Amino acid sequence: MAELTGCEGVLALLKQIYEVLQEYDQQTDAMINADLEVLQQSLLARNALIEKLEELKQQLESVIEVEQPEERVLLQTLVHGSYVNAPLDDQHKEIQLMQRNITVMKQRIVDKDKVISGQFKNQHVDSRRELEQLKQTRQKIGYYNSAVVNRATGQSLNKNPVSYTHLRAHETRHDL
């Protein structure tokens, strides 16, 4: 297949970039409210898509670079999403439209990534809270276990000496 150049090449590469971004968006959707295994698979898939996007970006820059200076500047302006004050032909308008679609897709992905980040933060806080509760429960269990073992062996929980009055108070309480 012959390599495309000019507007056709730029448009073809922008369409490929858009398709890869759609795949990336689907992987992002899979990450929302997903378990750890799905998250890991989606992250790996997204990393592969990022590499593919980098390759396409380099190809796009190469196609633009071989153009005549005036056309090169126009294509760079369109691809970067900047405003063009000159009238555009149909091919250039299509490039402009594809770039807008790419920009919208990228913003959707950024918004979804923010949601996912928020979920991770909430899960992290919840996990820390649960770990702290488990730690406290373990301490309580250790305390009660030591109390049961010590009472079974006739030992007191408190190893400090107590006053005669304290002992008499217990004696009186039990006699009532």
C-alpha atoms as a PDB file:
ATOM      1  CA  MET A   1       0.000   0.000   0.000  1.00  0.00           C
ATOM      2  CA  ALA A   2       1.373   3.392  -0.990  1.00  0.00           C
ATOM      3  CA  GLU A   3       2.166   5.790   1.818  1.00  0.00           C
ATOM      4  CA  LEU A   4      -0.220   8.719   1.975  1.00  0.00           C
ATOM      5  CA  THR A   5       1.098  12.257   1.997  1.00  0.00           C
ATOM      6  CA  GLY A   6      -0.330  15.715   2.356  1.00  0.00           C
ATOM      7  CA  CYS A   7      -3.864  16.201   3.562  1.00  0.00           C
ATOM      8  CA  GLU A   8      -4.799  12.579   2.829  1.00  0.00           C
ATOM      9  CA  GLY A   9      -1.928  11.301   4.971  1.00  0.00           C
ATOM     10  CA  VAL A  10      -2.663  13.698   7.801  1.00  0.00           C
ATOM     11  CA  LEU A  11      -6.353  12.844   7.748  1.00  0.00           C
ATOM     12  CA  ALA A  12      -5.684   9.098   7.656  1.00  0.00           C
ATOM     13  CA  LEU A  13      -3.348   9.371  10.653  1.00  0.00           C
ATOM     14  CA  LEU A  14      -5.786  11.561  12.583  1.00  0.00           C
ATOM     15  CA  LYS A  15      -8.492   8.960  12.002  1.00  0.00           C
ATOM     16  CA  GLN A  16      -6.170   6.251  13.320  1.00  0.00           C
ATOM     17  CA  ILE A  17      -5.391   8.395  16.351  1.00  0.00           C
ATOM     18  CA  TYR A  18      -9.123   8.854  16.947  1.00  0.00           C
ATOM     19  CA  GLU A  19      -9.717   5.093  16.732  1.00  0.00           C
ATOM     20  CA  VAL A  20      -6.929   4.421  19.226  1.00  0.00           C
ATOM     21  CA  LEU A  21      -8.391   7.052  21.546  1.00  0.00           C
ATOM     22  CA  GLN A  22     -11.762   5.306  21.288  1.00  0.00           C
ATOM     23  CA  GLU A  23     -10.107   2.044  22.389  1.00  0.00           C
ATOM     24  CA  TYR A  24      -8.400   3.926  25.201  1.00  0.00           C
ATOM     25  CA  ASP A  25     -11.763   5.385  26.231  1.00  0.00           C
ATOM     26  CA  GLN A  26     -13.277   1.886  26.325  1.00  0.00           C
ATOM     27  CA  GLN A  27     -10.450   0.686  28.567  1.00  0.00           C
ATOM     28  CA  THR A  28     -11.072   3.690  30.809  1.00  0.00           C
ATOM     29  CA  ASP A  29     -14.768   2.782  31.012  1.00  0.00           C
ATOM     30  CA  ALA A  30     -13.789  -0.733  32.087  1.00  0.00           C
ATOM     31  CA  MET A  31     -11.758   0.728  34.950  1.00  0.00           C
ATOM     32  CA  ILE A  32     -14.669   2.549  36.571  1.00  0.00           C
ATOM     33  CA  ASN A  33     -15.902   0.549  39.583  1.00  0.00           C
ATOM     34  CA  ALA A  34     -13.719  -2.396  38.543  1.00  0.00           C
ATOM     35  CA  ASP A  35     -11.912  -4.860  40.747  1.00  0.00           C
ATOM     36  CA  LEU A  36      -8.131  -4.974  40.974  1.00  0.00           C
ATOM     37  CA  GLU A  37      -7.611  -7.598  38.251  1.00  0.00           C
ATOM     38  CA  VAL A  38      -9.676  -5.677  35.688  1.00  0.00           C
ATOM     39  CA  LEU A  39      -7.885  -2.473  36.641  1.00  0.00           C
ATOM     40  CA  GLN A  40      -4.519  -4.068  36.058  1.00  0.00           C
ATOM     41  CA  GLN A  41      -5.542  -5.471  32.662  1.00  0.00           C
ATOM     42  CA  SER A  42      -7.000  -2.131  31.602  1.00  0.00           C
ATOM     43  CA  LEU A  43      -3.892  -0.249  32.670  1.00  0.00           C
ATOM     44  CA  LEU A  44      -1.690  -2.586  30.652  1.00  0.00           C
ATOM     45  CA  ALA A  45      -3.952  -2.209  27.620  1.00  0.00           C
ATOM     46  CA  ARG A  46      -3.939   1.574  28.004  1.00  0.00           C
ATOM     47  CA  ASN A  47      -0.136   1.615  28.191  1.00  0.00           C
ATOM     48  CA  ALA A  48       0.049  -0.288  24.900  1.00  0.00           C
ATOM     49  CA  LEU A  49      -2.371   2.196  23.345  1.00  0.00           C
ATOM     50  CA  ILE A  50      -0.256   5.104  24.552  1.00  0.00           C
ATOM     51  CA  GLU A  51       2.747   3.608  22.767  1.00  0.00           C
ATOM     52  CA  LYS A  52       0.670   3.259  19.609  1.00  0.00           C
ATOM     53  CA  LEU A  53      -0.441   6.894  19.905  1.00  0.00           C
ATOM     54  CA  GLU A  54       3.183   8.003  20.189  1.00  0.00           C
ATOM     55  CA  GLU A  55       4.043   6.118  16.982  1.00  0.00           C
ATOM     56  CA  LEU A  56       1.116   7.675  15.145  1.00  0.00           C
ATOM     57  CA  LYS A  57       2.089  11.122  16.379  1.00  0.00           C
ATOM     58  CA  GLN A  58       5.611  10.650  15.010  1.00  0.00           C
ATOM     59  CA  GLN A  59       4.229   9.481  11.675  1.00  0.00           C
ATOM     60  CA  LEU A  60       1.935  12.511  11.581  1.00  0.00           C
ATOM     61  CA  GLU A  61       4.835  14.867  12.220  1.00  0.00           C
ATOM     62  CA  SER A  62       6.828  13.160   9.452  1.00  0.00           C
ATOM     63  CA  VAL A  63       3.992  13.549   6.937  1.00  0.00           C
ATOM     64  CA  ILE A  64       3.608  17.238   7.778  1.00  0.00           C
ATOM     65  CA  GLU A  65       7.361  17.873   7.695  1.00  0.00           C
ATOM     66  CA  VAL A  66       7.714  16.982   3.987  1.00  0.00           C
ATOM     67  CA  GLU A  67       5.078  19.506   2.907  1.00  0.00           C
ATOM     68  CA  GLN A  68       5.787  22.884   1.362  1.00  0.00           C
ATOM     69  CA  PRO A  69       6.335  25.617   4.005  1.00  0.00           C
ATOM     70  CA  GLU A  70       2.920  27.275   3.631  1.00  0.00           C
ATOM     71  CA  GLU A  71       1.025  23.963   3.668  1.00  0.00           C
ATOM     72  CA  ARG A  72       3.217  22.689   6.514  1.00  0.00           C
ATOM     73  CA  VAL A  73       2.312  25.689   8.688  1.00  0.00           C
ATOM     74  CA  LEU A  74      -1.387  25.297   7.855  1.00  0.00           C
ATOM     75  CA  LEU A  75      -1.369  21.560   8.683  1.00  0.00           C
ATOM     76  CA  GLN A  76       0.557  22.132  11.925  1.00  0.00           C
ATOM     77  CA  THR A  77      -1.940  24.802  12.912  1.00  0.00           C
ATOM     78  CA  LEU A  78      -4.889  22.532  12.153  1.00  0.00           C
ATOM     79  CA  VAL A  79      -3.369  19.507  13.886  1.00  0.00           C
ATOM     80  CA  HIS A  80      -2.631  21.523  17.020  1.00  0.00           C
ATOM     81  CA  GLY A  81      -6.222  22.760  17.077  1.00  0.00           C
ATOM     82  CA  SER A  82      -5.319  26.418  16.687  1.00  0.00           C
ATOM     83  CA  TYR A  83      -7.584  28.935  15.021  1.00  0.00           C
ATOM     84  CA  VAL A  84      -7.126  29.408  11.260  1.00  0.00           C
ATOM     85  CA  ASN A  85      -8.143  32.747   9.828  1.00  0.00           C
ATOM     86  CA  ALA A  86      -7.929  31.663   6.173  1.00  0.00           C
ATOM     87  CA  PRO A  87     -10.698  29.984   4.175  1.00  0.00           C
ATOM     88  CA  LEU A  88     -10.267  26.208   4.138  1.00  0.00           C
ATOM     89  CA  ASP A  89     -10.959  23.683   1.410  1.00  0.00           C
ATOM     90  CA  ASP A  90     -12.930  20.511   2.178  1.00  0.00           C
ATOM     91  CA  GLN A  91      -9.861  18.423   3.059  1.00  0.00           C
ATOM     92  CA  HIS A  92      -8.564  21.004   5.489  1.00  0.00           C
ATOM     93  CA  LYS A  93     -12.039  21.372   7.010  1.00  0.00           C
ATOM     94  CA  GLU A  94     -12.167  17.607   7.508  1.00  0.00           C
ATOM     95  CA  ILE A  95      -8.779  17.708   9.245  1.00  0.00           C
ATOM     96  CA  GLN A  96     -10.054  20.514  11.459  1.00  0.00           C
ATOM     97  CA  LEU A  97     -13.189  18.531  12.323  1.00  0.00           C
ATOM     98  CA  MET A  98     -11.192  15.375  13.086  1.00  0.00           C
ATOM     99  CA  GLN A  99      -8.900  17.380  15.372  1.00  0.00           C
ATOM    100  CA  ARG A 100     -11.945  18.744  17.243  1.00  0.00           C
ATOM    101  CA  ASN A 101     -13.267  15.201  17.661  1.00  0.00           C
ATOM    102  CA  ILE A 102      -9.892  14.113  19.027  1.00  0.00           C
ATOM    103  CA  THR A 103      -9.883  17.040  21.460  1.00  0.00           C
ATOM    104  CA  VAL A 104     -13.375  16.137  22.705  1.00  0.00           C
ATOM    105  CA  MET A 105     -12.381  12.485  23.115  1.00  0.00           C
ATOM    106  CA  LYS A 106      -9.257  13.435  25.047  1.00  0.00           C
ATOM    107  CA  GLN A 107     -11.304  15.624  27.399  1.00  0.00           C
ATOM    108  CA  ARG A 108     -13.786  12.801  28.015  1.00  0.00           C
ATOM    109  CA  ILE A 109     -10.890  10.530  28.926  1.00  0.00           C
ATOM    110  CA  VAL A 110      -9.429  13.142  31.287  1.00  0.00           C
ATOM    111  CA  ASP A 111     -12.817  13.535  32.990  1.00  0.00           C
ATOM    112  CA  LYS A 112     -13.173   9.770  33.416  1.00  0.00           C
ATOM    113  CA  ASP A 113      -9.637   9.527  34.769  1.00  0.00           C
ATOM    114  CA  LYS A 114     -10.576  12.082  37.420  1.00  0.00           C
ATOM    115  CA  VAL A 115     -13.526   9.897  38.463  1.00  0.00           C
ATOM    116  CA  ILE A 116     -11.265   6.847  38.659  1.00  0.00           C
ATOM    117  CA  SER A 117      -8.693   8.781  40.712  1.00  0.00           C
ATOM    118  CA  GLY A 118     -11.435   9.825  43.108  1.00  0.00           C
ATOM    119  CA  GLN A 119     -12.550   6.222  43.476  1.00  0.00           C
ATOM    120  CA  PHE A 120      -8.969   5.135  44.214  1.00  0.00           C
ATOM    121  CA  LYS A 121      -8.599   7.827  46.847  1.00  0.00           C
ATOM    122  CA  ASN A 122     -11.872   6.799  48.492  1.00  0.00           C
ATOM    123  CA  GLN A 123     -10.896   3.128  48.412  1.00  0.00           C
ATOM    124  CA  HIS A 124      -7.518   4.003  49.898  1.00  0.00           C
ATOM    125  CA  VAL A 125      -9.115   5.952  52.751  1.00  0.00           C
ATOM    126  CA  ASP A 126     -11.614   3.142  53.373  1.00  0.00           C
ATOM    127  CA  SER A 127      -8.830   0.538  53.372  1.00  0.00           C
ATOM    128  CA  ARG A 128      -6.752   2.561  55.829  1.00  0.00           C
ATOM    129  CA  ARG A 129      -9.796   2.918  58.101  1.00  0.00           C
ATOM    130  CA  GLU A 130     -10.471  -0.838  57.953  1.00  0.00           C
ATOM    131  CA  LEU A 131      -6.829  -1.621  58.719  1.00  0.00           C
ATOM    132  CA  GLU A 132      -6.918   0.692  61.723  1.00  0.00           C
ATOM    133  CA  GLN A 133     -10.091  -1.000  62.980  1.00  0.00           C
ATOM    134  CA  LEU A 134      -8.471  -4.422  62.529  1.00  0.00           C
ATOM    135  CA  LYS A 135      -5.428  -3.236  64.444  1.00  0.00           C
ATOM    136  CA  GLN A 136      -7.622  -2.025  67.320  1.00  0.00           C
ATOM    137  CA  THR A 137      -9.618  -5.255  67.288  1.00  0.00           C
ATOM    138  CA  ARG A 138      -6.408  -7.284  67.396  1.00  0.00           C
ATOM    139  CA  GLN A 139      -5.226  -5.255  70.396  1.00  0.00           C
ATOM    140  CA  LYS A 140      -8.539  -5.868  72.165  1.00  0.00           C
ATOM    141  CA  ILE A 141      -8.394  -9.581  71.417  1.00  0.00           C
ATOM    142  CA  GLY A 142      -4.824  -9.706  72.724  1.00  0.00           C
ATOM    143  CA  TYR A 143      -5.879  -7.918  75.898  1.00  0.00           C
ATOM    144  CA  TYR A 144      -8.846 -10.213  76.529  1.00  0.00           C
ATOM    145  CA  ASN A 145      -6.828 -13.324  75.713  1.00  0.00           C
ATOM    146  CA  SER A 146      -4.167 -12.301  78.195  1.00  0.00           C
ATOM    147  CA  ALA A 147      -6.864 -11.618  80.797  1.00  0.00           C
ATOM    148  CA  VAL A 148      -8.385 -15.074  80.348  1.00  0.00           C
ATOM    149  CA  VAL A 149      -4.993 -16.809  80.477  1.00  0.00           C
ATOM    150  CA  ASN A 150      -3.874 -14.861  83.526  1.00  0.00           C
ATOM    151  CA  ARG A 151      -7.107 -15.499  85.423  1.00  0.00           C
ATOM    152  CA  ALA A 152      -6.899 -19.186  84.581  1.00  0.00           C
ATOM    153  CA  THR A 153      -3.418 -19.288  86.112  1.00  0.00           C
ATOM    154  CA  GLY A 154      -4.500 -17.243  89.100  1.00  0.00           C
ATOM    155  CA  GLN A 155      -2.636 -14.134  88.038  1.00  0.00           C
ATOM    156  CA  SER A 156      -4.050 -10.639  88.143  1.00  0.00           C
ATOM    157  CA  LEU A 157      -4.337  -8.379  85.105  1.00  0.00           C
ATOM    158  CA  ASN A 158      -2.694  -5.644  87.078  1.00  0.00           C
ATOM    159  CA  LYS A 159       0.742  -6.492  88.449  1.00  0.00           C
ATOM    160  CA  ASN A 160       0.924  -3.327  90.571  1.00  0.00           C
ATOM    161  CA  PRO A 161       0.274  -3.607  94.291  1.00  0.00           C
ATOM    162  CA  VAL A 162      -3.078  -2.360  95.584  1.00  0.00           C
ATOM    163  CA  SER A 163      -3.957  -0.764  98.895  1.00  0.00           C
ATOM    164  CA  TYR A 164      -5.598  -2.522 101.820  1.00  0.00           C
ATOM    165  CA  THR A 165      -8.612  -0.202 101.422  1.00  0.00           C
ATOM    166  CA  HIS A 166      -8.989  -1.286  97.813  1.00  0.00           C
ATOM    167  CA  LEU A 167      -9.024  -4.938  98.847  1.00  0.00           C
ATOM    168  CA  ARG A 168     -11.581  -4.222 101.602  1.00  0.00           C
ATOM    169  CA  ALA A 169     -13.790  -2.447  99.042  1.00  0.00           C
ATOM    170  CA  HIS A 170     -13.900  -5.588  96.912  1.00  0.00           C
ATOM    171  CA  GLU A 171     -14.568  -7.723  99.944  1.00  0.00           C
ATOM    172  CA  THR A 172     -17.433  -5.486 101.039  1.00  0.00           C
ATOM    173  CA  ARG A 173     -18.914  -5.384  97.554  1.00  0.00           C
ATOM    174  CA  HIS A 174     -18.951  -9.175  97.328  1.00  0.00           C
ATOM    175  CA  ASP A 175     -20.504  -9.536 100.756  1.00  0.00           C
ATOM    176  CA  LEU A 176     -23.503  -7.332  99.920  1.00  0.00           C
END
